[in-house]
Amino acid sequence: MALTLFDLDNTLLSGDSDHAWMKFLSSRGIVDAECFNHRNDQFYADYMAGTLDIQAFLNFQLTPLAAHPRAQLNAWHREYL
């Protein structure tokens, strides 16, 4: 069986999906917009520069989600997509 993976960011999707996801969460008040938007922008700049600390980025992305039940995460996922 063959497996094909696609990176949709900035190709089929306009922009970066990870960056947009955090903007979605902050726009809904799920995370503190003032704090998270700045850090989100910095992580994106680091990614574009090739200097992203992936562990710090994953901690940033996943820690706020861990505080919510799966049903809520699924609802946000449906709304985001």
Protein backbone atom coordinates (compact mmCIF):
# COMPACT_ATOMS: atom_id res chain seq x y z
CA MET A 1 0.00 0.00 0.00
CA ALA A 2 1.34 3.42 -0.95
CA LEU A 3 1.07 6.40 1.36
CA THR A 4 1.05 9.93 0.06
CA LEU A 5 1.30 12.94 2.38
CA PHE A 6 0.60 16.51 1.40
CA ASP A 7 1.60 19.74 3.09
CA LEU A 8 -1.39 21.95 2.40
CA ASP A 9 -0.11 25.08 4.14
CA ASN A 10 0.48 27.97 1.76
CA THR A 11 -0.42 25.73 -1.18
CA LEU A 12 -3.99 24.45 -1.15
CA LEU A 13 -4.66 26.42 2.04
CA SER A 14 -4.10 30.14 2.26
CA GLY A 15 -1.69 30.50 5.17
CA ASP A 16 -0.41 28.18 7.86
CA SER A 17 -2.98 25.90 9.51
CA ASP A 18 -1.18 25.74 12.89
CA HIS A 19 -0.99 29.52 13.08
CA ALA A 20 -4.63 29.86 11.98
CA TRP A 21 -5.76 27.29 14.59
CA MET A 22 -4.35 29.37 17.45
CA LYS A 23 -5.92 32.51 15.99
CA PHE A 24 -9.23 30.62 15.92
CA LEU A 25 -8.86 29.64 19.60
CA SER A 26 -7.96 33.19 20.64
CA SER A 27 -10.82 34.70 18.62
CA ARG A 28 -13.24 32.48 20.55
CA GLY A 29 -11.75 33.41 23.93
CA ILE A 30 -10.52 29.85 24.47
CA VAL A 31 -7.00 31.16 25.06
CA ASP A 32 -5.87 34.61 26.17
CA ALA A 33 -5.64 36.54 22.89
CA GLU A 34 -3.06 39.09 24.04
CA CYS A 35 -0.61 36.46 25.26
CA PHE A 36 -1.25 33.75 22.68
CA ASN A 37 -1.34 35.92 19.55
CA HIS A 38 2.13 37.31 20.22
CA ARG A 39 3.61 33.88 20.95
CA ASN A 40 1.78 32.38 17.97
CA ASP A 41 3.29 35.02 15.68
CA GLN A 42 6.75 34.41 17.14
CA PHE A 43 6.51 30.65 16.62
CA TYR A 44 5.45 31.24 13.02
CA ALA A 45 8.38 33.60 12.46
CA ASP A 46 10.73 30.99 13.95
CA TYR A 47 9.24 28.35 11.64
CA MET A 48 9.73 30.56 8.59
CA ALA A 49 13.34 31.26 9.68
CA GLY A 50 14.04 27.55 10.16
CA THR A 51 14.67 27.99 13.89
CA LEU A 52 11.46 26.59 15.38
CA ASP A 53 11.86 24.79 18.72
CA ILE A 54 9.37 22.02 18.01
CA GLN A 55 9.05 20.94 21.66
CA ALA A 56 8.23 24.47 22.81
CA PHE A 57 5.80 24.85 19.91
CA LEU A 58 4.00 21.58 20.72
CA ASN A 59 3.77 22.57 24.38
CA PHE A 60 2.27 25.92 23.31
CA GLN A 61 -0.24 24.27 20.97
CA LEU A 62 -1.27 21.31 23.12
CA THR A 63 -1.30 22.61 26.71
CA PRO A 64 -4.49 24.70 26.31
CA LEU A 65 -6.26 21.77 24.63
CA ALA A 66 -5.45 19.35 27.45
CA ALA A 67 -7.68 21.37 29.79
CA HIS A 68 -10.85 20.55 27.83
CA PRO A 69 -12.87 17.37 27.35
CA ARG A 70 -12.74 15.49 24.05
CA ALA A 71 -16.34 16.45 23.16
CA GLN A 72 -15.44 20.14 23.36
CA LEU A 73 -12.29 19.63 21.28
CA ASN A 74 -14.35 17.81 18.64
CA ALA A 75 -16.85 20.69 18.54
CA TRP A 76 -14.08 23.26 18.04
CA HIS A 77 -12.51 21.07 15.37
CA ARG A 78 -15.78 20.89 13.44
CA GLU A 79 -16.25 24.66 13.75
CA TYR A 80 -12.67 25.37 12.65
CA LEU A 81 -12.90 23.20 9.57
